[in-house]
C-alpha cells in the first residue's frame, strides 16, 4: 500500500466516518458509549441503526 493511499484513507475517508459519527452522537441516546458497546448496540440485532455504519468503520 502506498503512502498516498494511506494518507487518503486516514486523512479523508476515515475522517469522514469519524466526523459523521460525532454529528450523529450529538443527539443520540448512544452518546457516551464505548466504541465497542456502540457498535454492538447500533447493530440492533441485524437491523443496524444509522450510527452503526460510521462506528463500524
PDB file of N, CA and C in Angstrom:
ATOM      1  N   UNK A   1       0.853  -1.154   0.000  1.00  0.00           N
ATOM      2  CA  UNK A   1       0.000   0.000   0.000  1.00  0.00           C
ATOM      3  C   UNK A   1       0.910   1.232   0.000  1.00  0.00           C
ATOM      4  N   UNK A   2       0.607   2.162  -0.851  1.00  0.00           N
ATOM      5  CA  UNK A   2       1.449   3.347  -0.971  1.00  0.00           C
ATOM      6  C   UNK A   2       1.170   4.355   0.142  1.00  0.00           C
ATOM      7  N   UNK A   3       2.125   5.227   0.343  1.00  0.00           N
ATOM      8  CA  UNK A   3       1.969   6.304   1.324  1.00  0.00           C
ATOM      9  C   UNK A   3       0.747   7.149   0.969  1.00  0.00           C
ATOM     10  N   UNK A   4       0.569   7.412  -0.294  1.00  0.00           N
ATOM     11  CA  UNK A   4      -0.563   8.233  -0.763  1.00  0.00           C
ATOM     12  C   UNK A   4      -1.899   7.558  -0.430  1.00  0.00           C
ATOM     13  N   UNK A   5      -1.978   6.259  -0.627  1.00  0.00           N
ATOM     14  CA  UNK A   5      -3.206   5.525  -0.318  1.00  0.00           C
ATOM     15  C   UNK A   5      -3.540   5.625   1.164  1.00  0.00           C
ATOM     16  N   UNK A   6      -2.542   5.435   2.007  1.00  0.00           N
ATOM     17  CA  UNK A   6      -2.758   5.531   3.455  1.00  0.00           C
ATOM     18  C   UNK A   6      -3.176   6.951   3.836  1.00  0.00           C
ATOM     19  N   UNK A   7      -2.523   7.942   3.257  1.00  0.00           N
ATOM     20  CA  UNK A   7      -2.878   9.333   3.559  1.00  0.00           C
ATOM     21  C   UNK A   7      -4.318   9.636   3.163  1.00  0.00           C
ATOM     22  N   UNK A   8      -4.732   9.157   2.005  1.00  0.00           N
ATOM     23  CA  UNK A   8      -6.114   9.385   1.568  1.00  0.00           C
ATOM     24  C   UNK A   8      -7.104   8.673   2.475  1.00  0.00           C
ATOM     25  N   UNK A   9      -6.785   7.432   2.828  1.00  0.00           N
ATOM     26  CA  UNK A   9      -7.713   6.672   3.670  1.00  0.00           C
ATOM     27  C   UNK A   9      -7.858   7.311   5.046  1.00  0.00           C
ATOM     28  N   UNK A  10      -6.750   7.540   5.725  1.00  0.00           N
ATOM     29  CA  UNK A  10      -6.807   8.046   7.096  1.00  0.00           C
ATOM     30  C   UNK A  10      -7.062   9.544   7.153  1.00  0.00           C
ATOM     31  N   UNK A  11      -6.617  10.269   6.159  1.00  0.00           N
ATOM     32  CA  UNK A  11      -6.764  11.716   6.196  1.00  0.00           C
ATOM     33  C   UNK A  11      -8.098  12.212   5.687  1.00  0.00           C
ATOM     34  N   UNK A  12      -8.765  11.434   4.882  1.00  0.00           N
ATOM     35  CA  UNK A  12     -10.029  11.881   4.298  1.00  0.00           C
ATOM     36  C   UNK A  12     -11.151  10.875   4.557  1.00  0.00           C
ATOM     37  N   UNK A  13     -11.031   9.701   3.976  1.00  0.00           N
ATOM     38  CA  UNK A  13     -12.101   8.701   4.038  1.00  0.00           C
ATOM     39  C   UNK A  13     -12.455   8.346   5.484  1.00  0.00           C
ATOM     40  N   UNK A  14     -11.476   7.940   6.252  1.00  0.00           N
ATOM     41  CA  UNK A  14     -11.724   7.556   7.647  1.00  0.00           C
ATOM     42  C   UNK A  14     -12.221   8.749   8.458  1.00  0.00           C
ATOM     43  N   UNK A  15     -11.650   9.907   8.221  1.00  0.00           N
ATOM     44  CA  UNK A  15     -12.052  11.105   8.966  1.00  0.00           C
ATOM     45  C   UNK A  15     -13.517  11.445   8.720  1.00  0.00           C
ATOM     46  N   UNK A  16     -14.006  11.199   7.511  1.00  0.00           N
ATOM     47  CA  UNK A  16     -15.423  11.438   7.218  1.00  0.00           C
ATOM     48  C   UNK A  16     -16.322  10.568   8.094  1.00  0.00           C
ATOM     49  N   UNK A  17     -15.935   9.314   8.323  1.00  0.00           N
ATOM     50  CA  UNK A  17     -16.710   8.440   9.203  1.00  0.00           C
ATOM     51  C   UNK A  17     -16.677   8.939  10.647  1.00  0.00           C
ATOM     52  N   UNK A  18     -15.518   9.375  11.104  1.00  0.00           N
ATOM     53  CA  UNK A  18     -15.388   9.899  12.470  1.00  0.00           C
ATOM     54  C   UNK A  18     -16.253  11.143  12.635  1.00  0.00           C
ATOM     55  N   UNK A  19     -16.163  12.054  11.689  1.00  0.00           N
ATOM     56  CA  UNK A  19     -16.955  13.286  11.767  1.00  0.00           C
ATOM     57  C   UNK A  19     -18.452  12.989  11.712  1.00  0.00           C
ATOM     58  N   UNK A  20     -18.844  12.067  10.833  1.00  0.00           N
ATOM     59  CA  UNK A  20     -20.253  11.697  10.727  1.00  0.00           C
ATOM     60  C   UNK A  20     -20.779  11.085  12.011  1.00  0.00           C
ATOM     61  N   UNK A  21     -20.000  10.206  12.612  1.00  0.00           N
ATOM     62  CA  UNK A  21     -20.418   9.587  13.869  1.00  0.00           C
ATOM     63  C   UNK A  21     -20.534  10.635  14.972  1.00  0.00           C
ATOM     64  N   UNK A  22     -19.583  11.531  15.053  1.00  0.00           N
ATOM     65  CA  UNK A  22     -19.649  12.578  16.076  1.00  0.00           C
ATOM     66  C   UNK A  22     -20.903  13.430  15.923  1.00  0.00           C
ATOM     67  N   UNK A  23     -21.286  13.747  14.696  1.00  0.00           N
ATOM     68  CA  UNK A  23     -22.523  14.511  14.459  1.00  0.00           C
ATOM     69  C   UNK A  23     -23.746  13.702  14.905  1.00  0.00           C
ATOM     70  N   UNK A  24     -23.773  12.423  14.549  1.00  0.00           N
ATOM     71  CA  UNK A  24     -24.903  11.575  14.928  1.00  0.00           C
ATOM     72  C   UNK A  24     -25.017  11.450  16.440  1.00  0.00           C
ATOM     73  N   UNK A  25     -23.900  11.292  17.104  1.00  0.00           N
ATOM     74  CA  UNK A  25     -23.923  11.065  18.548  1.00  0.00           C
ATOM     75  C   UNK A  25     -24.307  12.307  19.338  1.00  0.00           C
ATOM     76  N   UNK A  26     -24.172  13.470  18.753  1.00  0.00           N
ATOM     77  CA  UNK A  26     -24.500  14.708  19.462  1.00  0.00           C
ATOM     78  C   UNK A  26     -25.945  14.705  19.954  1.00  0.00           C
ATOM     79  N   UNK A  27     -26.824  14.018  19.241  1.00  0.00           N
ATOM     80  CA  UNK A  27     -28.242  13.987  19.612  1.00  0.00           C
ATOM     81  C   UNK A  27     -28.754  12.563  19.824  1.00  0.00           C
ATOM     82  N   UNK A  28     -27.864  11.631  20.039  1.00  0.00           N
ATOM     83  CA  UNK A  28     -28.229  10.220  20.136  1.00  0.00           C
ATOM     84  C   UNK A  28     -28.206   9.723  21.575  1.00  0.00           C
ATOM     85  N   UNK A  29     -29.120   8.815  21.921  1.00  0.00           N
ATOM     86  CA  UNK A  29     -29.058   8.188  23.244  1.00  0.00           C
ATOM     87  C   UNK A  29     -27.825   7.290  23.392  1.00  0.00           C
ATOM     88  N   UNK A  30     -27.109   7.041  22.302  1.00  0.00           N
ATOM     89  CA  UNK A  30     -25.904   6.222  22.348  1.00  0.00           C
ATOM     90  C   UNK A  30     -24.669   7.036  22.732  1.00  0.00           C
ATOM     91  N   UNK A  31     -24.830   8.328  22.896  1.00  0.00           N
ATOM     92  CA  UNK A  31     -23.707   9.188  23.282  1.00  0.00           C
ATOM     93  C   UNK A  31     -23.117   8.705  24.606  1.00  0.00           C
ATOM     94  N   UNK A  32     -21.800   8.604  24.669  1.00  0.00           N
ATOM     95  CA  UNK A  32     -21.130   8.187  25.891  1.00  0.00           C
ATOM     96  C   UNK A  32     -20.774   6.712  25.930  1.00  0.00           C
ATOM     97  N   UNK A  33     -21.283   5.926  24.986  1.00  0.00           N
ATOM     98  CA  UNK A  33     -20.923   4.511  24.921  1.00  0.00           C
ATOM     99  C   UNK A  33     -19.471   4.378  24.472  1.00  0.00           C
ATOM    100  N   UNK A  34     -18.811   3.302  24.886  1.00  0.00           N
ATOM    101  CA  UNK A  34     -17.505   3.000  24.307  1.00  0.00           C
ATOM    102  C   UNK A  34     -17.738   2.618  22.850  1.00  0.00           C
ATOM    103  N   UNK A  35     -16.700   2.685  22.038  1.00  0.00           N
ATOM    104  CA  UNK A  35     -16.856   2.334  20.631  1.00  0.00           C
ATOM    105  C   UNK A  35     -17.339   0.894  20.479  1.00  0.00           C
ATOM    106  N   UNK A  36     -16.780  -0.011  21.255  1.00  0.00           N
ATOM    107  CA  UNK A  36     -17.193  -1.413  21.173  1.00  0.00           C
ATOM    108  C   UNK A  36     -18.669  -1.571  21.534  1.00  0.00           C
ATOM    109  N   UNK A  37     -19.108  -0.957  22.618  1.00  0.00           N
ATOM    110  CA  UNK A  37     -20.513  -1.057  23.022  1.00  0.00           C
ATOM    111  C   UNK A  37     -21.426  -0.354  22.024  1.00  0.00           C
ATOM    112  N   UNK A  38     -20.961   0.741  21.469  1.00  0.00           N
ATOM    113  CA  UNK A  38     -21.741   1.474  20.475  1.00  0.00           C
ATOM    114  C   UNK A  38     -21.997   0.605  19.248  1.00  0.00           C
ATOM    115  N   UNK A  39     -20.965  -0.066  18.760  1.00  0.00           N
ATOM    116  CA  UNK A  39     -21.122  -0.935  17.593  1.00  0.00           C
ATOM    117  C   UNK A  39     -22.091  -2.074  17.897  1.00  0.00           C
ATOM    118  N   UNK A  40     -21.945  -2.698  19.048  1.00  0.00           N
ATOM    119  CA  UNK A  40     -22.848  -3.795  19.428  1.00  0.00           C
ATOM    120  C   UNK A  40     -24.291  -3.315  19.521  1.00  0.00           C
ATOM    121  N   UNK A  41     -24.507  -2.200  20.190  1.00  0.00           N
ATOM    122  CA  UNK A  41     -25.866  -1.678  20.373  1.00  0.00           C
ATOM    123  C   UNK A  41     -26.461  -1.200  19.050  1.00  0.00           C
ATOM    124  N   UNK A  42     -25.656  -0.504  18.248  1.00  0.00           N
ATOM    125  CA  UNK A  42     -26.156   0.050  16.988  1.00  0.00           C
ATOM    126  C   UNK A  42     -26.393  -1.028  15.933  1.00  0.00           C
ATOM    127  N   UNK A  43     -25.778  -2.202  16.099  1.00  0.00           N
ATOM    128  CA  UNK A  43     -26.050  -3.305  15.172  1.00  0.00           C
ATOM    129  C   UNK A  43     -27.519  -3.697  15.254  1.00  0.00           C
ATOM    130  N   UNK A  44     -28.095  -3.563  16.442  1.00  0.00           N
ATOM    131  CA  UNK A  44     -29.537  -3.698  16.626  1.00  0.00           C
ATOM    132  C   UNK A  44     -30.080  -5.030  16.108  1.00  0.00           C
ATOM    133  N   UNK A  45     -29.413  -6.125  16.482  1.00  0.00           N
ATOM    134  CA  UNK A  45     -29.858  -7.474  16.098  1.00  0.00           C
ATOM    135  C   UNK A  45     -30.069  -7.634  14.594  1.00  0.00           C
ATOM    136  N   UNK A  46     -29.169  -7.082  13.806  1.00  0.00           N
ATOM    137  CA  UNK A  46     -29.243  -7.232  12.354  1.00  0.00           C
ATOM    138  C   UNK A  46     -30.053  -6.171  11.656  1.00  0.00           C
ATOM    139  N   UNK A  47     -30.576  -5.226  12.391  1.00  0.00           N
ATOM    140  CA  UNK A  47     -31.313  -4.105  11.817  1.00  0.00           C
ATOM    141  C   UNK A  47     -30.564  -2.827  12.212  1.00  0.00           C
ATOM    142  N   UNK A  48     -29.409  -2.580  11.574  1.00  0.00           N
ATOM    143  CA  UNK A  48     -28.495  -1.531  12.034  1.00  0.00           C
ATOM    144  C   UNK A  48     -29.117  -0.139  12.113  1.00  0.00           C
ATOM    145  N   UNK A  49     -28.791   0.534  13.197  1.00  0.00           N
ATOM    146  CA  UNK A  49     -29.167   1.933  13.372  1.00  0.00           C
ATOM    147  C   UNK A  49     -28.212   2.791  12.543  1.00  0.00           C
ATOM    148  N   UNK A  50     -28.572   4.038  12.245  1.00  0.00           N
ATOM    149  CA  UNK A  50     -27.705   4.890  11.421  1.00  0.00           C
ATOM    150  C   UNK A  50     -26.276   5.021  11.954  1.00  0.00           C
ATOM    151  N   UNK A  51     -26.096   5.010  13.256  1.00  0.00           N
ATOM    152  CA  UNK A  51     -24.767   5.160  13.841  1.00  0.00           C
ATOM    153  C   UNK A  51     -23.848   3.977  13.530  1.00  0.00           C
ATOM    154  N   UNK A  52     -24.438   2.827  13.235  1.00  0.00           N
ATOM    155  CA  UNK A  52     -23.642   1.617  13.029  1.00  0.00           C
ATOM    156  C   UNK A  52     -22.646   1.764  11.881  1.00  0.00           C
ATOM    157  N   UNK A  53     -23.080   2.270  10.757  1.00  0.00           N
ATOM    158  CA  UNK A  53     -22.196   2.363   9.593  1.00  0.00           C
ATOM    159  C   UNK A  53     -20.949   3.181   9.901  1.00  0.00           C
ATOM    160  N   UNK A  54     -21.111   4.315  10.529  1.00  0.00           N
ATOM    161  CA  UNK A  54     -19.952   5.145  10.841  1.00  0.00           C
ATOM    162  C   UNK A  54     -19.096   4.526  11.938  1.00  0.00           C
ATOM    163  N   UNK A  55     -19.710   3.973  12.958  1.00  0.00           N
ATOM    164  CA  UNK A  55     -18.956   3.419  14.087  1.00  0.00           C
ATOM    165  C   UNK A  55     -18.187   2.161  13.701  1.00  0.00           C
ATOM    166  N   UNK A  56     -18.729   1.364  12.809  1.00  0.00           N
ATOM    167  CA  UNK A  56     -18.118   0.085  12.459  1.00  0.00           C
ATOM    168  C   UNK A  56     -16.958   0.217  11.476  1.00  0.00           C
ATOM    169  N   UNK A  57     -16.701   1.399  11.013  1.00  0.00           N
ATOM    170  CA  UNK A  57     -15.586   1.594  10.078  1.00  0.00           C
ATOM    171  C   UNK A  57     -14.312   1.571  10.832  1.00  0.00           C
TER     172      UNK A  57
END
